């Protein structure tokens, strides 16, 4: 039987790696937009890009918090 905590930890590591890639992509997008777009378009681009990043990070964080609590509840029921 696989260790459920280890499986959750591996999934959290993968999600963290994907969020790191998202951050790098947004930094590059920010720099590229600064060079290529007008000031107004650049501001709109920043708000949309970083707003979406904030939503994604929030959803991923709450997802893994829920999973961790579910695993804890399942473990305490077995004990």
N, C-alpha and C. Protein backbone atom coordinates (compact mmCIF):
# COMPACT_ATOMS: atom_id res chain seq x y z
N UNK A 1 0.85 -1.18 0.00
CA UNK A 1 0.00 0.00 0.00
C UNK A 1 0.89 1.24 0.00
N UNK A 2 0.70 2.15 -0.95
CA UNK A 2 1.57 3.32 -1.02
C UNK A 2 1.32 4.28 0.14
N UNK A 3 2.38 4.94 0.55
CA UNK A 3 2.27 5.92 1.62
C UNK A 3 1.57 7.16 1.08
N UNK A 4 0.41 7.46 1.63
CA UNK A 4 -0.40 8.57 1.10
C UNK A 4 0.27 9.92 1.35
N UNK A 5 1.03 10.05 2.44
CA UNK A 5 1.71 11.31 2.73
C UNK A 5 2.83 11.55 1.73
N UNK A 6 3.56 10.49 1.39
CA UNK A 6 4.65 10.62 0.42
C UNK A 6 4.08 10.99 -0.95
N UNK A 7 2.97 10.38 -1.33
CA UNK A 7 2.33 10.69 -2.62
C UNK A 7 1.89 12.15 -2.66
N UNK A 8 1.29 12.63 -1.58
CA UNK A 8 0.86 14.03 -1.51
C UNK A 8 2.07 14.97 -1.58
N UNK A 9 3.15 14.61 -0.90
CA UNK A 9 4.36 15.43 -0.92
C UNK A 9 4.93 15.53 -2.33
N UNK A 10 4.95 14.42 -3.06
CA UNK A 10 5.45 14.43 -4.44
C UNK A 10 4.56 15.31 -5.32
N UNK A 11 3.25 15.22 -5.14
CA UNK A 11 2.34 16.06 -5.92
C UNK A 11 2.55 17.54 -5.58
N UNK A 12 2.81 17.85 -4.31
CA UNK A 12 3.07 19.23 -3.92
C UNK A 12 4.37 19.73 -4.53
N UNK A 13 5.38 18.88 -4.60
CA UNK A 13 6.64 19.28 -5.23
C UNK A 13 6.43 19.58 -6.71
N UNK A 14 5.66 18.76 -7.39
CA UNK A 14 5.38 18.99 -8.81
C UNK A 14 4.61 20.30 -9.01
N UNK A 15 3.63 20.53 -8.16
CA UNK A 15 2.86 21.77 -8.26
C UNK A 15 3.75 22.98 -8.00
N UNK A 16 4.66 22.86 -7.04
CA UNK A 16 5.58 23.95 -6.75
C UNK A 16 6.50 24.21 -7.93
N UNK A 17 6.96 23.16 -8.59
CA UNK A 17 7.81 23.33 -9.78
C UNK A 17 7.03 24.03 -10.90
N UNK A 18 5.76 23.66 -11.08
CA UNK A 18 4.96 24.31 -12.11
C UNK A 18 4.69 25.78 -11.78
N UNK A 19 4.49 26.09 -10.50
CA UNK A 19 4.30 27.49 -10.11
C UNK A 19 5.57 28.30 -10.31
N UNK A 20 6.72 27.67 -10.10
CA UNK A 20 7.99 28.35 -10.36
C UNK A 20 8.13 28.66 -11.84
N UNK A 21 7.76 27.71 -12.70
CA UNK A 21 7.79 27.96 -14.14
C UNK A 21 6.80 29.07 -14.52
N UNK A 22 5.65 29.08 -13.89
CA UNK A 22 4.67 30.14 -14.14
C UNK A 22 5.24 31.50 -13.76
N UNK A 23 5.92 31.57 -12.62
CA UNK A 23 6.53 32.83 -12.20
C UNK A 23 7.60 33.28 -13.19
N UNK A 24 8.43 32.36 -13.64
CA UNK A 24 9.46 32.72 -14.62
C UNK A 24 8.84 33.21 -15.93
N UNK A 25 7.78 32.52 -16.37
CA UNK A 25 7.11 32.94 -17.60
C UNK A 25 6.51 34.34 -17.45
N UNK A 26 5.93 34.62 -16.29
CA UNK A 26 5.35 35.95 -16.09
C UNK A 26 6.40 37.04 -16.01
N UNK A 27 7.55 36.73 -15.43
CA UNK A 27 8.64 37.71 -15.40
C UNK A 27 9.11 38.00 -16.82
N UNK A 28 9.27 36.96 -17.63
CA UNK A 28 9.67 37.18 -19.02
C UNK A 28 8.60 37.93 -19.80
N UNK A 29 7.32 37.61 -19.54
CA UNK A 29 6.22 38.31 -20.20
C UNK A 29 6.22 39.78 -19.79
N UNK A 30 6.48 40.04 -18.50
CA UNK A 30 6.54 41.41 -18.01
C UNK A 30 7.65 42.19 -18.71
N UNK A 31 8.83 41.59 -18.81
CA UNK A 31 9.95 42.26 -19.47
C UNK A 31 9.67 42.46 -20.96
N UNK A 32 9.13 41.44 -21.60
CA UNK A 32 8.80 41.54 -23.03
C UNK A 32 7.74 42.59 -23.30
N UNK A 33 6.74 42.65 -22.44
CA UNK A 33 5.70 43.65 -22.59
C UNK A 33 6.23 45.05 -22.39
N UNK A 34 7.17 45.20 -21.48
CA UNK A 34 7.76 46.51 -21.22
C UNK A 34 8.49 47.02 -22.46
N UNK A 35 9.10 46.11 -23.18
CA UNK A 35 9.84 46.51 -24.38
C UNK A 35 8.93 46.71 -25.59
N UNK A 36 7.83 45.96 -25.68
CA UNK A 36 7.05 45.93 -26.92
C UNK A 36 5.73 46.71 -26.87
N UNK A 37 5.18 46.93 -25.69
CA UNK A 37 3.84 47.51 -25.61
C UNK A 37 3.87 48.97 -25.19
N UNK A 38 2.78 49.66 -25.50
CA UNK A 38 2.63 51.02 -25.00
C UNK A 38 2.36 50.96 -23.50
N UNK A 39 2.44 52.09 -22.84
CA UNK A 39 2.31 52.12 -21.38
C UNK A 39 0.94 51.60 -20.93
N UNK A 40 -0.12 52.01 -21.61
CA UNK A 40 -1.47 51.58 -21.22
C UNK A 40 -1.63 50.07 -21.42
N UNK A 41 -1.21 49.57 -22.56
CA UNK A 41 -1.31 48.13 -22.83
C UNK A 41 -0.45 47.34 -21.86
N UNK A 42 0.70 47.89 -21.53
CA UNK A 42 1.60 47.22 -20.58
C UNK A 42 0.95 47.11 -19.20
N UNK A 43 0.30 48.18 -18.76
CA UNK A 43 -0.37 48.15 -17.47
C UNK A 43 -1.50 47.13 -17.44
N UNK A 44 -2.28 47.09 -18.49
CA UNK A 44 -3.37 46.11 -18.58
C UNK A 44 -2.80 44.70 -18.58
N UNK A 45 -1.72 44.50 -19.32
CA UNK A 45 -1.07 43.20 -19.39
C UNK A 45 -0.57 42.75 -18.02
N UNK A 46 0.01 43.68 -17.28
CA UNK A 46 0.50 43.35 -15.93
C UNK A 46 -0.64 42.95 -15.01
N UNK A 47 -1.70 43.72 -15.02
CA UNK A 47 -2.84 43.44 -14.14
C UNK A 47 -3.43 42.07 -14.45
N UNK A 48 -3.63 41.78 -15.72
CA UNK A 48 -4.21 40.49 -16.11
C UNK A 48 -3.27 39.34 -15.77
N UNK A 49 -2.01 39.46 -16.16
CA UNK A 49 -1.04 38.38 -15.94
C UNK A 49 -0.83 38.06 -14.47
N UNK A 50 -0.55 39.08 -13.67
CA UNK A 50 -0.27 38.84 -12.26
C UNK A 50 -1.55 38.52 -11.48
N UNK A 51 -2.68 39.02 -11.95
CA UNK A 51 -3.96 38.64 -11.33
C UNK A 51 -4.27 37.17 -11.54
N UNK A 52 -4.04 36.69 -12.76
CA UNK A 52 -4.24 35.26 -13.03
C UNK A 52 -3.27 34.41 -12.21
N UNK A 53 -2.04 34.87 -12.09
CA UNK A 53 -1.05 34.14 -11.29
C UNK A 53 -1.53 34.04 -9.84
N UNK A 54 -2.04 35.14 -9.30
CA UNK A 54 -2.51 35.15 -7.92
C UNK A 54 -3.65 34.14 -7.75
N UNK A 55 -4.59 34.12 -8.70
CA UNK A 55 -5.70 33.17 -8.62
C UNK A 55 -5.22 31.72 -8.68
N UNK A 56 -4.28 31.44 -9.58
CA UNK A 56 -3.77 30.08 -9.72
C UNK A 56 -3.05 29.64 -8.45
N UNK A 57 -2.20 30.50 -7.91
CA UNK A 57 -1.47 30.16 -6.68
C UNK A 57 -2.44 29.93 -5.53
N UNK A 58 -3.46 30.76 -5.44
CA UNK A 58 -4.45 30.62 -4.38
C UNK A 58 -5.20 29.30 -4.49
N UNK A 59 -5.60 28.93 -5.72
CA UNK A 59 -6.33 27.68 -5.92
C UNK A 59 -5.47 26.46 -5.61
N UNK A 60 -4.22 26.49 -6.06
CA UNK A 60 -3.32 25.36 -5.80
C UNK A 60 -3.07 25.23 -4.31
N UNK A 61 -2.85 26.34 -3.64
CA UNK A 61 -2.60 26.32 -2.20
C UNK A 61 -3.80 25.75 -1.44
N UNK A 62 -4.99 26.23 -1.75
CA UNK A 62 -6.17 25.73 -1.04
C UNK A 62 -6.44 24.26 -1.36
N UNK A 63 -6.14 23.84 -2.59
CA UNK A 63 -6.32 22.44 -2.96
C UNK A 63 -5.45 21.53 -2.09
N UNK A 64 -4.17 21.88 -1.96
CA UNK A 64 -3.29 21.02 -1.18
C UNK A 64 -3.53 21.14 0.32
N UNK A 65 -4.02 22.27 0.80
CA UNK A 65 -4.41 22.37 2.20
C UNK A 65 -5.58 21.43 2.49
N UNK A 66 -6.57 21.43 1.58
CA UNK A 66 -7.71 20.52 1.73
C UNK A 66 -7.27 19.06 1.71
N UNK A 67 -6.39 18.73 0.76
CA UNK A 67 -5.91 17.35 0.66
C UNK A 67 -5.17 16.94 1.94
N UNK A 68 -4.34 17.82 2.47
CA UNK A 68 -3.61 17.51 3.69
C UNK A 68 -4.56 17.31 4.87
N UNK A 69 -5.59 18.14 4.97
CA UNK A 69 -6.57 17.97 6.05
C UNK A 69 -7.36 16.68 5.88
N UNK A 70 -7.73 16.35 4.65
CA UNK A 70 -8.43 15.09 4.40
C UNK A 70 -7.57 13.89 4.78
N UNK A 71 -6.29 13.95 4.44
CA UNK A 71 -5.38 12.86 4.79
C UNK A 71 -5.22 12.75 6.30
N UNK A 72 -5.15 13.88 6.98
CA UNK A 72 -5.03 13.87 8.43
C UNK A 72 -6.28 13.28 9.07
N UNK A 73 -7.45 13.67 8.55
CA UNK A 73 -8.70 13.14 9.09
C UNK A 73 -8.80 11.64 8.86
N UNK A 74 -8.39 11.18 7.69
CA UNK A 74 -8.42 9.74 7.40
C UNK A 74 -7.46 8.99 8.31
N UNK A 75 -6.31 9.58 8.58
CA UNK A 75 -5.33 8.92 9.45
C UNK A 75 -5.83 8.84 10.89
N UNK A 76 -6.47 9.90 11.38
CA UNK A 76 -6.97 9.87 12.75
C UNK A 76 -8.15 8.92 12.90
N UNK A 77 -8.95 8.74 11.84
CA UNK A 77 -10.05 7.78 11.90
C UNK A 77 -9.54 6.36 12.00
N UNK A 78 -8.42 6.09 11.31
CA UNK A 78 -7.84 4.74 11.35
C UNK A 78 -7.21 4.43 12.70
N UNK A 79 -6.78 5.46 13.41
CA UNK A 79 -6.09 5.24 14.70
C UNK A 79 -7.05 4.91 15.82
